[in-house]
Every structure is written in C-alpha cells, then in structure tokens.
Amino acid sequence: MTKLWKPNSWKNFETNHLPEYSNKLELDSVTNQLRNFPPLVFAGEVRSLNKKLAKVAEGKGYILQGGDCAESFAEFNTNNIRDTFRVILQMAIILTSGINLPIVKIGRMAGQFAKPRSRLNEVQSGIELPSYKGDIINGIKFDEKSRAPDPERMLKAYSQSASTLNLLRAFADGGFADLKYVQSWNMGFVKSELQGERYRDLANQIQANLDFMEALGINAETTSQLRKVDFYTSHEALLLPYEEAMTRVDSTTGDIYNTSSHFAWIGDRTRFINSGHVEFCRGIKNPIGIKCGPGINLDELLKILDLIDPKNIPGKITLITRYGKEKVGKYLPEIIQKVKSEGRNVIWSCDPMHGNTIKSNSGYKTRPFENILEEVKTNIEVHKSEGTHAGGIHLEMTGQNVTECIGGLAEVTEKTLGDRYHTHCDPRLNANQSIELAFLIADVIKKNG
C-alpha cells in the first residue's frame, strides 16, 4: 500500500467482486452525477458514532447491527422500513434491560445493495448468465438484459437510500421511537410454554419500569432521550465506484468521510493485503468493520489493522467474526489472542448468520435458529474466557413476517419455508425470531457477566 491516499487510489490495487461495465462513458457520467449530489450522511453524525463506538471498545456499550441481507428496489416501501426500524428498537430495549449497557443501533439499511457472490455466473436450464450481485449492480430476473451490470442503477440506489434515511430520521426524532410506543412487542411467537412465560415476564418488567418512570414525571415530554434515538446506517463498501463518488471533504475539519453511510465494512472475500477495498477504507474517517471468517490469515489481518488504523484509535475498527457454530470454538480464541498480543483496540462483534447457512431438503437456503444461537453462546463464552468484551451482534433480519430461517418459537419449518420466502439473497430472521434472539442474547450475557 502506498502512503499517498486519494479517493480513487483503490484503482491501483487488486479489486475483487466488482462488476465489469461495458460502457465506461456511461459509468463516468453516473459517478460524476453522484459527486455533485448531496451527502447521504453527515460528518457530525459519523463523529457522534465514533464516540459511541469508543465506549463500546472500552466495554461500556454494545452494538446491535441488523437489517436486510441485500436491500431491493422492488420491496422498498414505508412499512418495511418502519417495521425493521421498530424491531431493532425493540431488540435494543430488551438488550439494554438485560445487560445494563447502552446499545449502539446500526441498521444494514439505506445502502446495503451490493453483494459479493461465490460464483461469477449462474446456470439455469443450460443457460449461463452473470450472477445477481445486488440491485445497485444488476437485476435478479434471469435474463441477459437484467443480469448485465448497469451503472444507472447507482442513481436509483442513491435515491432510495436518501428516501430511507429521510424516513429513518423522521422516525428517530419525530416521536415514533417514544418508548411507550416501542414497547408494544411483537410477541406473536410467545406461546404457553415455560420459555414464553419467561419472555412475557421480562416484557412486563420493562413495562413496569416505564410505568414507574412515568409516575415520577420522567416521560417523553420531560426527557428527550425517551422520545428520540440515535440511529446509524451501514453497508458493505463493495461497489467502489459508488463509494468513491460519495466521498467528501468535511468543510469544518478538512477530514475525509464516505457519506454513503455512517459505518462501512470490508467483506470476508475482499479483505486481503493489496486489496482495493482495504485501500479505500484506510483513507476515510468512518468507523470500519472487518469481516473475519475461518480462512483469515491472522498475520495479514494485523497488517491490515496497521493500514486502516495506524493510531490504534478505540472504536475505529470492529472485527466481525463469522465462523459458524461448528468452528467458532476453534477459531475465535486464536484471533482474540493474536489481536490482544498486539495491543489493538478493537470492538468484537459476532455475525452468527453467514457461517450457519445450509440448504434445506426443499432446496431453499436457510439458517437454523438454534445454530445461530449456539454460535452466539459460544462467542460470548470464549470472550469471557479470554478476558475480552463481546461487544456486538451483526444480524441479517427484517421486521417482516417472512419464513426464511427455520426454528425458534415462531416454529418455521422446512415445510413452511416457501410460504413467505422473499429474500433476494440470503435468509433473514423474521421479526419474532429477532426479538426472541434478543431475549436469549441478554440471558446469555447475564449468565456470563
């Protein structure tokens, strides 16, 4: 990596999982338009997030990061955004009540449109076409026109992201986040079993606390913290022409920010020395996530940390581990010990989704709820044994009543997967499964506290 960084210096490095656009002039036209568009997020918001993440790195907070595997143009509507936002707030209240730490709420929203794929091409009925790489790149419909990378899609992604952020800001500041509304739990999964009783009891305790505060005169009218929330957005910084075009110099500080989201992460497939994605991320002031799977080279990871965070700033780097329930017990201690030995100030977050993807007998990709929970449990136990802070959870989830992940008290089975299987890419936890998982995570953290 060279010391001189520019927003376009990534072009001098190896770039995997980027589309090949056939019309370079059209690509240049689109990115030039984006450069003149207003920022989607603002430097002050990113600085606010940086401060909160520094507290998480000190063990004084917890990250809840969740949202769509891949946002789509087709499913963009107010209800979907509202419901996912509400479930994240509900999960945050459950976690706050259970672990007594402030929760940093980050959505995989308003920009999570691009996805790396394990195969460049897809074959159906003997026809081979480029794989679907997310709506910002190409279309999910299996035909030649739809699967051709189209730079104009970046403009639609920007527009949808702007609309999503506008709505999220209205929800976060305009009263929708008032605790007296958020506590209306999606408790449809709670049956008459003993576990269901336990969840109902905790929800009732939270409500009793709110009622007590209300009796003392502490309510949304007297305390703005009960009426408003800080909510941030994130996505994988995969489509570098788009990310470069959305990079701006902050007029008040002279620092450089990626204004497409508050938080950006580097995927497991694009994280390596001499990666264009690493090069891009090393130059921006945004906090950076790094996905870490079983194939990671730990010596290489340390070099990447030196590149992106040479000053070892607390909260700058979040290592998002994704091993699967079978491998987390083996690989997580190794990476923790290696990073600790170098004195690195990182946040440790757990992605229990990607390593637990299986193919059901009915042909659908799915993720068993019990396996997701098992990886979370092991992750927390390993951090306790290593003396590190399990600082966050990274989930692919939705506020909708989909049937994509099997298991949980919602009782999604292999037979019912096809009922409401709507994801454009990987399977997501539905609203009830997400809330159930928040209760269980809080329970595990308390037991290991």
Protein backbone atom coordinates (compact mmCIF):
# COMPACT_ATOMS: atom_id res chain seq x y z
CA MET A 1 0.00 0.00 0.00
CA THR A 2 1.32 3.47 -0.86
CA LYS A 3 1.31 6.23 1.75
CA LEU A 4 -0.42 8.70 -0.57
CA TRP A 5 -4.16 8.17 -0.43
CA LYS A 6 -6.84 9.58 -2.69
CA PRO A 7 -10.50 8.61 -3.07
CA ASN A 8 -9.57 6.86 -6.34
CA SER A 9 -6.26 5.31 -5.27
CA TRP A 10 -8.07 1.98 -4.86
CA LYS A 11 -7.84 1.66 -8.66
CA ASN A 12 -4.13 0.91 -8.31
CA PHE A 13 -4.85 -2.25 -6.31
CA GLU A 14 -6.49 -5.62 -6.83
CA THR A 15 -10.27 -5.35 -6.79
CA ASN A 16 -12.37 -8.48 -6.49
CA HIS A 17 -16.15 -8.75 -6.89
CA LEU A 18 -16.53 -5.53 -8.86
CA PRO A 19 -18.74 -5.61 -11.99
CA GLU A 20 -17.39 -5.15 -15.49
CA TYR A 21 -19.34 -2.27 -17.01
CA SER A 22 -19.48 -2.42 -20.80
CA ASN A 23 -19.98 1.32 -21.25
CA LYS A 24 -17.22 3.25 -19.45
CA LEU A 25 -18.57 6.61 -20.59
CA GLU A 26 -21.92 5.87 -19.01
CA LEU A 27 -20.17 4.79 -15.80
CA ASP A 28 -18.22 8.06 -15.72
CA SER A 29 -21.41 10.04 -16.35
CA VAL A 30 -23.18 8.37 -13.43
CA THR A 31 -20.31 8.76 -10.96
CA ASN A 32 -19.89 12.42 -11.96
CA GLN A 33 -23.57 12.99 -11.18
CA LEU A 34 -23.16 11.29 -7.81
CA ARG A 35 -20.21 13.52 -6.94
CA ASN A 36 -22.49 16.53 -7.25
CA PHE A 37 -25.33 15.02 -5.19
CA PRO A 38 -25.74 15.97 -1.52
CA PRO A 39 -24.20 13.64 1.06
CA LEU A 40 -26.47 10.95 2.46
CA VAL A 41 -24.96 11.15 5.94
CA PHE A 42 -23.04 13.95 7.57
CA ALA A 43 -19.62 14.20 9.16
CA GLY A 44 -21.06 15.28 12.51
CA GLU A 45 -23.21 12.15 12.63
CA VAL A 46 -20.19 9.97 11.94
CA ARG A 47 -18.22 11.71 14.69
CA SER A 48 -21.10 11.04 17.07
CA LEU A 49 -20.99 7.34 16.16
CA ASN A 50 -17.21 7.28 16.59
CA LYS A 51 -17.61 8.49 20.19
CA LYS A 52 -20.20 5.82 20.98
CA LEU A 53 -18.04 3.10 19.45
CA ALA A 54 -15.05 4.23 21.51
CA LYS A 55 -17.16 3.49 24.61
CA VAL A 56 -18.04 0.04 23.24
CA ALA A 57 -14.32 -0.65 22.74
CA GLU A 58 -13.85 0.15 26.45
CA GLY A 59 -16.52 -2.39 27.40
CA LYS A 60 -19.12 0.30 28.13
CA GLY A 61 -21.59 -0.41 25.34
CA TYR A 62 -22.89 -2.96 22.86
CA ILE A 63 -23.55 -2.79 19.10
CA LEU A 64 -26.81 -4.03 17.63
CA GLN A 65 -26.33 -4.09 13.86
CA GLY A 66 -29.08 -5.56 11.72
CA GLY A 67 -31.10 -5.34 8.57
CA ASP A 68 -31.51 -6.82 5.13
CA CYS A 69 -29.02 -9.18 3.56
CA ALA A 70 -29.48 -7.13 0.40
CA GLU A 71 -31.94 -4.28 0.04
CA SER A 72 -34.04 -4.39 -3.10
CA PHE A 73 -35.74 -1.82 -5.28
CA ALA A 74 -38.91 -3.93 -5.50
CA GLU A 75 -39.55 -4.24 -1.74
CA PHE A 76 -38.86 -0.59 -0.97
CA ASN A 77 -41.79 0.85 0.97
CA THR A 78 -42.57 2.73 4.16
CA ASN A 79 -43.95 -0.26 6.03
CA ASN A 80 -40.84 -2.39 5.52
CA ILE A 81 -38.54 0.40 6.70
CA ARG A 82 -40.77 1.23 9.67
CA ASP A 83 -41.15 -2.38 10.79
CA THR A 84 -37.43 -3.17 10.64
CA PHE A 85 -36.63 0.06 12.50
CA ARG A 86 -39.20 -0.80 15.18
CA VAL A 87 -37.87 -4.32 15.69
CA ILE A 88 -34.31 -3.03 16.05
CA LEU A 89 -35.54 -0.58 18.70
CA GLN A 90 -37.42 -3.36 20.48
CA MET A 91 -34.34 -5.56 20.43
CA ALA A 92 -32.26 -2.68 21.79
CA ILE A 93 -34.64 -2.17 24.73
CA ILE A 94 -34.53 -5.88 25.53
CA LEU A 95 -30.73 -5.88 25.42
CA THR A 96 -30.44 -2.68 27.46
CA SER A 97 -32.75 -4.11 30.12
CA GLY A 98 -30.87 -7.40 30.16
CA ILE A 99 -27.23 -6.32 30.10
CA ASN A 100 -27.40 -2.78 31.55
CA LEU A 101 -25.32 -1.23 28.80
CA PRO A 102 -26.16 1.43 26.22
CA ILE A 103 -26.93 -0.09 22.82
CA VAL A 104 -25.49 1.46 19.66
CA LYS A 105 -28.14 0.92 16.99
CA ILE A 106 -26.85 0.48 13.44
CA GLY A 107 -29.05 -0.62 10.55
CA ARG A 108 -27.96 -2.57 7.50
CA MET A 109 -30.14 -0.06 5.69
CA ALA A 110 -30.08 2.84 3.20
CA GLY A 111 -27.24 1.43 1.11
CA GLN A 112 -26.87 -2.36 1.51
CA PHE A 113 -27.47 -3.05 -2.17
CA ALA A 114 -24.30 -4.84 -3.35
CA LYS A 115 -23.38 -8.46 -2.58
CA PRO A 116 -20.24 -10.46 -3.39
CA ARG A 117 -21.08 -13.87 -4.80
CA SER A 118 -19.14 -17.11 -4.60
CA ARG A 119 -19.77 -17.79 -8.31
CA LEU A 120 -19.31 -15.26 -11.10
CA ASN A 121 -22.00 -16.91 -13.20
CA GLU A 122 -25.25 -18.79 -12.68
CA VAL A 123 -26.67 -21.58 -14.84
CA GLN A 124 -30.40 -22.21 -15.27
CA SER A 125 -31.82 -24.67 -17.81
CA GLY A 126 -28.47 -24.82 -19.57
CA ILE A 127 -28.22 -21.02 -19.88
CA GLU A 128 -25.28 -19.27 -18.21
CA LEU A 129 -25.54 -15.62 -17.13
CA PRO A 130 -23.73 -13.37 -14.63
CA SER A 131 -24.79 -13.96 -11.03
CA TYR A 132 -27.09 -11.49 -9.34
CA LYS A 133 -24.86 -9.10 -7.38
CA GLY A 134 -27.43 -6.79 -5.82
CA ASP A 135 -29.84 -4.24 -7.21
CA ILE A 136 -27.22 -1.50 -7.37
CA ILE A 137 -25.35 -3.62 -9.94
CA ASN A 138 -27.82 -5.81 -11.86
CA GLY A 139 -31.30 -7.33 -11.66
CA ILE A 140 -32.46 -10.56 -10.07
CA LYS A 141 -34.53 -11.59 -13.11
CA PHE A 142 -32.73 -14.31 -15.03
CA ASP A 143 -32.31 -12.83 -18.49
CA GLU A 144 -29.42 -11.27 -20.36
CA LYS A 145 -30.63 -7.67 -20.11
CA SER A 146 -31.37 -7.81 -16.40
CA ARG A 147 -28.10 -9.51 -15.45
CA ALA A 148 -25.93 -7.05 -17.37
CA PRO A 149 -24.28 -4.57 -14.93
CA ASP A 150 -25.93 -1.17 -15.34
CA PRO A 151 -24.31 1.96 -13.81
CA GLU A 152 -27.66 3.80 -13.89
CA ARG A 153 -28.72 1.58 -11.00
CA MET A 154 -26.41 3.58 -8.73
CA LEU A 155 -28.66 6.61 -9.18
CA LYS A 156 -31.71 4.64 -8.11
CA ALA A 157 -29.80 3.21 -5.15
CA TYR A 158 -28.82 6.74 -4.10
CA SER A 159 -32.42 7.94 -4.41
CA GLN A 160 -33.79 5.02 -2.40
CA SER A 161 -31.09 5.46 0.25
CA ALA A 162 -31.91 9.16 0.56
CA SER A 163 -35.62 8.38 0.98
CA THR A 164 -34.87 5.66 3.53
CA LEU A 165 -32.63 7.96 5.55
CA ASN A 166 -35.23 10.71 5.43
CA LEU A 167 -37.80 8.33 6.90
CA LEU A 168 -35.39 6.90 9.48
CA ARG A 169 -34.51 10.39 10.71
CA ALA A 170 -38.20 11.24 10.98
CA PHE A 171 -38.84 8.06 12.97
CA ALA A 172 -35.81 8.57 15.22
CA ASP A 173 -36.59 12.23 16.00
CA GLY A 174 -40.32 12.60 15.48
CA GLY A 175 -41.84 10.52 18.25
CA PHE A 176 -42.06 7.06 16.67
CA ALA A 177 -39.15 5.98 18.88
CA ASP A 178 -41.03 7.01 22.03
CA LEU A 179 -40.67 4.11 24.45
CA LYS A 180 -44.40 3.99 25.15
CA TYR A 181 -44.91 3.00 21.51
CA VAL A 182 -41.82 0.87 21.00
CA GLN A 183 -42.71 -1.41 23.93
CA SER A 184 -45.70 -2.79 22.01
CA TRP A 185 -43.87 -6.06 21.48
CA ASN A 186 -44.18 -8.36 18.51
CA MET A 187 -44.93 -11.21 20.90
CA GLY A 188 -46.75 -13.47 18.47
CA PHE A 189 -44.10 -16.15 19.00
CA VAL A 190 -44.84 -16.35 22.73
CA LYS A 191 -46.92 -19.47 23.31
CA SER A 192 -47.91 -21.08 26.56
CA GLU A 193 -44.57 -22.83 27.08
CA LEU A 194 -42.33 -22.01 30.02
CA GLN A 195 -39.97 -20.09 27.74
CA GLY A 196 -42.85 -17.99 26.54
CA GLU A 197 -43.76 -17.19 30.12
CA ARG A 198 -40.20 -16.03 30.75
CA TYR A 199 -40.31 -13.65 27.79
CA ARG A 200 -43.67 -12.28 28.88
CA ASP A 201 -42.34 -11.70 32.39
CA LEU A 202 -39.36 -9.71 31.10
CA ALA A 203 -41.56 -7.64 28.80
CA ASN A 204 -43.85 -6.93 31.75
CA GLN A 205 -40.84 -5.90 33.86
CA ILE A 206 -39.75 -3.45 31.19
CA GLN A 207 -43.27 -2.03 31.05
CA ALA A 208 -43.37 -1.76 34.86
CA ASN A 209 -40.12 0.23 34.77
CA LEU A 210 -41.60 2.58 32.18
CA ASP A 211 -44.73 3.00 34.26
CA PHE A 212 -42.62 3.78 37.36
CA MET A 213 -40.64 6.40 35.44
CA GLU A 214 -43.90 7.89 34.21
CA ALA A 215 -45.15 8.15 37.80
CA LEU A 216 -42.01 10.12 38.67
CA GLY A 217 -42.68 12.50 35.81
CA ILE A 218 -39.96 11.04 33.63
CA ASN A 219 -41.58 10.67 30.23
CA ALA A 220 -41.16 11.65 26.59
CA GLU A 221 -42.42 15.16 27.27
CA THR A 222 -39.89 15.85 30.03
CA THR A 223 -36.95 13.72 28.86
CA SER A 224 -35.96 13.83 25.19
CA GLN A 225 -33.95 10.60 25.49
CA LEU A 226 -37.24 8.72 25.87
CA ARG A 227 -38.61 10.30 22.72
CA LYS A 228 -35.63 10.21 20.40
CA VAL A 229 -32.89 7.75 19.50
CA ASP A 230 -29.59 7.89 17.67
CA PHE A 231 -29.77 5.54 14.72
CA TYR A 232 -26.98 4.95 12.22
CA THR A 233 -26.71 3.19 8.87
CA SER A 234 -24.14 0.81 7.44
CA HIS A 235 -23.35 -1.33 4.43
CA GLU A 236 -20.51 -3.26 2.88
CA ALA A 237 -18.26 -0.87 0.96
CA LEU A 238 -18.20 -3.20 -2.03
CA LEU A 239 -19.07 -1.15 -5.12
CA LEU A 240 -16.06 1.16 -5.05
CA PRO A 241 -17.06 3.47 -7.94
CA TYR A 242 -20.16 4.38 -5.93
CA GLU A 243 -18.27 4.71 -2.64
CA GLU A 244 -15.61 6.90 -4.24
CA ALA A 245 -18.25 9.18 -5.75
CA MET A 246 -19.89 9.59 -2.32
CA THR A 247 -16.62 10.53 -0.59
CA ARG A 248 -16.43 14.13 0.61
CA VAL A 249 -14.10 16.52 2.46
CA ASP A 250 -15.71 17.87 5.62
CA SER A 251 -15.71 21.66 5.38
CA THR A 252 -15.31 22.15 9.13
CA THR A 253 -12.36 19.82 9.78
CA GLY A 254 -10.84 19.00 6.40
CA ASP A 255 -11.21 15.30 7.16
CA ILE A 256 -12.46 12.87 4.52
CA TYR A 257 -15.68 10.90 5.01
CA ASN A 258 -17.59 8.37 3.00
CA THR A 259 -21.04 9.96 3.06
CA SER A 260 -22.94 6.93 1.72
CA SER A 261 -23.29 5.53 5.28
CA HIS A 262 -22.08 6.13 8.80
CA PHE A 263 -20.32 2.76 9.10
CA ALA A 264 -18.68 0.75 6.32
CA TRP A 265 -17.35 -2.78 6.39
CA ILE A 266 -14.96 -4.87 4.34
CA GLY A 267 -16.25 -8.33 3.48
CA ASP A 268 -14.51 -11.64 4.08
CA ARG A 269 -13.92 -12.02 0.32
CA THR A 270 -12.33 -8.58 -0.20
CA ARG A 271 -10.16 -8.41 2.93
CA PHE A 272 -6.52 -9.00 1.93
CA ILE A 273 -3.26 -7.13 1.52
CA ASN A 274 -3.20 -5.10 -1.72
CA SER A 275 -7.00 -5.09 -1.80
CA GLY A 276 -8.59 -2.04 -3.38
CA HIS A 277 -11.32 -2.24 -0.73
CA VAL A 278 -8.77 -2.05 2.09
CA GLU A 279 -7.04 0.82 0.31
CA PHE A 280 -10.30 2.77 0.02
CA CYS A 281 -11.28 2.23 3.65
CA ARG A 282 -7.92 3.27 5.04
CA GLY A 283 -8.45 6.84 3.90
CA ILE A 284 -11.87 7.66 5.36
CA LYS A 285 -12.76 8.78 8.88
CA ASN A 286 -15.77 6.48 9.16
CA PRO A 287 -15.60 3.54 11.56
CA ILE A 288 -14.72 0.37 9.68
CA GLY A 289 -15.91 -3.18 10.16
CA ILE A 290 -13.81 -6.13 9.01
CA LYS A 291 -15.50 -9.49 8.46
CA CYS A 292 -13.34 -12.37 9.71
CA GLY A 293 -14.07 -15.95 8.62
CA PRO A 294 -12.27 -19.27 9.13
CA GLY A 295 -9.90 -18.67 6.21
CA ILE A 296 -8.43 -15.45 7.57
CA ASN A 297 -4.65 -15.06 7.70
CA LEU A 298 -4.02 -13.57 11.14
CA ASP A 299 -0.63 -12.05 10.30
CA GLU A 300 -2.22 -10.40 7.26
CA LEU A 301 -5.07 -9.12 9.44
CA LEU A 302 -2.61 -7.35 11.72
CA LYS A 303 -1.03 -5.64 8.72
CA ILE A 304 -4.48 -4.54 7.56
CA LEU A 305 -5.21 -3.13 11.02
CA ASP A 306 -1.96 -1.16 10.83
CA LEU A 307 -3.01 0.23 7.45
CA ILE A 308 -6.56 1.24 8.32
CA ASP A 309 -5.97 2.25 11.94
CA PRO A 310 -2.29 3.15 12.38
CA LYS A 311 -3.07 5.24 15.50
CA ASN A 312 -4.95 2.36 17.17
CA ILE A 313 -8.00 4.53 17.89
CA PRO A 314 -10.59 2.85 20.16
CA GLY A 315 -13.76 2.14 18.18
CA LYS A 316 -12.24 2.75 14.76
CA ILE A 317 -12.19 -0.98 13.92
CA THR A 318 -14.90 -3.55 14.58
CA LEU A 319 -13.85 -7.14 13.92
CA ILE A 320 -17.00 -9.02 12.89
CA THR A 321 -16.31 -12.72 13.32
CA ARG A 322 -18.33 -15.21 11.24
CA TYR A 323 -17.34 -18.85 11.76
CA GLY A 324 -20.46 -20.96 12.19
CA LYS A 325 -21.35 -22.93 15.30
CA GLU A 326 -19.02 -25.83 14.44
CA LYS A 327 -15.90 -23.67 14.04
CA VAL A 328 -16.28 -20.70 16.37
CA GLY A 329 -14.84 -22.55 19.37
CA LYS A 330 -11.66 -23.33 17.41
CA TYR A 331 -11.02 -20.10 15.51
CA LEU A 332 -12.27 -17.34 17.81
CA PRO A 333 -9.71 -17.88 20.62
CA GLU A 334 -6.88 -17.79 18.05
CA ILE A 335 -7.87 -14.43 16.58
CA ILE A 336 -8.55 -12.90 20.00
CA GLN A 337 -5.16 -13.96 21.33
CA LYS A 338 -3.37 -12.71 18.21
CA VAL A 339 -5.04 -9.30 18.24
CA LYS A 340 -4.65 -8.93 22.02
CA SER A 341 -0.95 -9.72 21.78
CA GLU A 342 -0.51 -6.68 19.57
CA GLY A 343 -2.41 -4.41 21.96
CA ARG A 344 -5.02 -3.49 19.36
CA ASN A 345 -8.08 -1.51 20.45
CA VAL A 346 -10.85 -3.24 18.52
CA ILE A 347 -14.53 -3.97 19.04
CA TRP A 348 -15.50 -7.63 18.84
CA SER A 349 -18.83 -8.31 17.13
CA CYS A 350 -20.42 -11.65 16.26
CA ASP A 351 -22.03 -12.41 12.90
CA PRO A 352 -23.81 -15.72 13.57
CA MET A 353 -25.60 -15.75 10.23
CA HIS A 354 -23.13 -16.43 7.41
CA GLY A 355 -21.37 -19.45 8.89
CA ASN A 356 -24.66 -21.21 9.57
CA THR A 357 -26.23 -21.20 6.12
CA ILE A 358 -27.44 -24.58 4.88
CA LYS A 359 -29.57 -25.87 2.02
CA SER A 360 -32.87 -27.37 3.08
CA ASN A 361 -34.31 -30.56 1.61
CA SER A 362 -36.82 -28.37 -0.21
CA GLY A 363 -33.98 -26.52 -1.96
CA TYR A 364 -34.15 -23.23 -0.07
CA LYS A 365 -31.11 -21.70 1.56
CA THR A 366 -31.87 -21.34 5.25
CA ARG A 367 -30.29 -20.83 8.65
CA PRO A 368 -31.39 -22.85 11.70
CA PHE A 369 -32.25 -20.56 14.60
CA GLU A 370 -30.69 -22.99 17.07
CA ASN A 371 -27.35 -22.88 15.22
CA ILE A 372 -27.38 -19.08 15.18
CA LEU A 373 -27.99 -19.05 18.93
CA GLU A 374 -25.29 -21.66 19.54
CA GLU A 375 -22.65 -19.54 17.79
CA VAL A 376 -23.68 -16.51 19.83
CA LYS A 377 -23.44 -18.51 23.08
CA THR A 378 -20.00 -19.88 22.24
CA ASN A 379 -18.82 -16.44 21.14
CA ILE A 380 -19.80 -14.89 24.49
CA GLU A 381 -18.26 -17.76 26.46
CA VAL A 382 -14.96 -17.52 24.56
CA HIS A 383 -14.73 -13.78 25.14
CA LYS A 384 -15.31 -14.32 28.83
CA SER A 385 -12.54 -16.91 29.00
CA GLU A 386 -10.15 -14.67 27.03
CA GLY A 387 -10.94 -11.59 29.11
CA THR A 388 -12.34 -9.58 26.21
CA HIS A 389 -15.63 -7.77 25.75
CA ALA A 390 -18.21 -9.38 23.46
CA GLY A 391 -19.20 -6.01 22.04
CA GLY A 392 -21.88 -6.61 19.47
CA ILE A 393 -24.12 -8.70 17.27
CA HIS A 394 -24.43 -8.43 13.47
CA LEU A 395 -27.65 -9.90 12.07
CA GLU A 396 -29.45 -10.30 8.78
CA MET A 397 -33.03 -9.71 9.84
CA THR A 398 -36.24 -7.95 8.86
CA GLY A 399 -39.31 -6.57 10.53
CA GLN A 400 -41.48 -8.64 8.20
CA ASN A 401 -43.14 -11.97 8.93
CA VAL A 402 -41.00 -13.93 6.47
CA THR A 403 -40.25 -17.66 6.60
CA GLU A 404 -36.56 -17.88 5.70
CA CYS A 405 -34.75 -19.15 8.83
CA ILE A 406 -36.07 -22.34 10.40
CA GLY A 407 -36.67 -22.84 14.11
CA GLY A 408 -37.35 -20.62 17.09
CA LEU A 409 -40.66 -20.33 18.88
CA ALA A 410 -42.10 -18.93 15.64
CA GLU A 411 -41.97 -22.57 14.50
CA VAL A 412 -40.77 -22.04 10.94
CA THR A 413 -40.09 -25.49 9.48
CA GLU A 414 -38.61 -26.80 6.25
CA LYS A 415 -42.15 -27.42 5.04
CA THR A 416 -43.18 -23.79 5.61
CA LEU A 417 -40.04 -22.13 4.19
CA GLY A 418 -41.76 -21.48 0.87
CA ASP A 419 -44.73 -19.70 2.45
CA ARG A 420 -43.10 -16.27 2.67
CA TYR A 421 -39.55 -16.66 1.36
CA HIS A 422 -38.89 -13.16 -0.01
CA THR A 423 -35.16 -12.51 0.33
CA HIS A 424 -33.20 -11.52 -2.77
CA CYS A 425 -30.10 -13.22 -1.45
CA ASP A 426 -29.56 -14.85 1.96
CA PRO A 427 -32.19 -15.90 4.55
CA ARG A 428 -33.15 -13.40 7.28
CA LEU A 429 -34.55 -13.75 10.77
CA ASN A 430 -38.13 -12.53 10.88
CA ALA A 431 -39.48 -10.05 13.44
CA ASN A 432 -40.44 -12.63 16.05
CA GLN A 433 -37.21 -14.60 15.69
CA SER A 434 -35.20 -11.37 16.03
CA ILE A 435 -36.95 -10.40 19.25
CA GLU A 436 -36.63 -13.92 20.62
CA LEU A 437 -32.90 -13.86 19.86
CA ALA A 438 -32.51 -10.53 21.68
CA PHE A 439 -34.06 -12.06 24.82
CA LEU A 440 -31.75 -15.07 24.58
CA ILE A 441 -28.62 -12.97 23.96
CA ALA A 442 -29.40 -10.85 27.01
CA ASP A 443 -29.88 -14.04 29.01
CA VAL A 444 -26.53 -15.50 27.90
CA ILE A 445 -24.63 -12.26 28.57
CA LYS A 446 -26.11 -12.03 32.07
CA LYS A 447 -25.07 -15.62 32.83
CA ASN A 448 -21.53 -14.91 31.65
CA GLY A 449 -21.25 -11.44 33.15
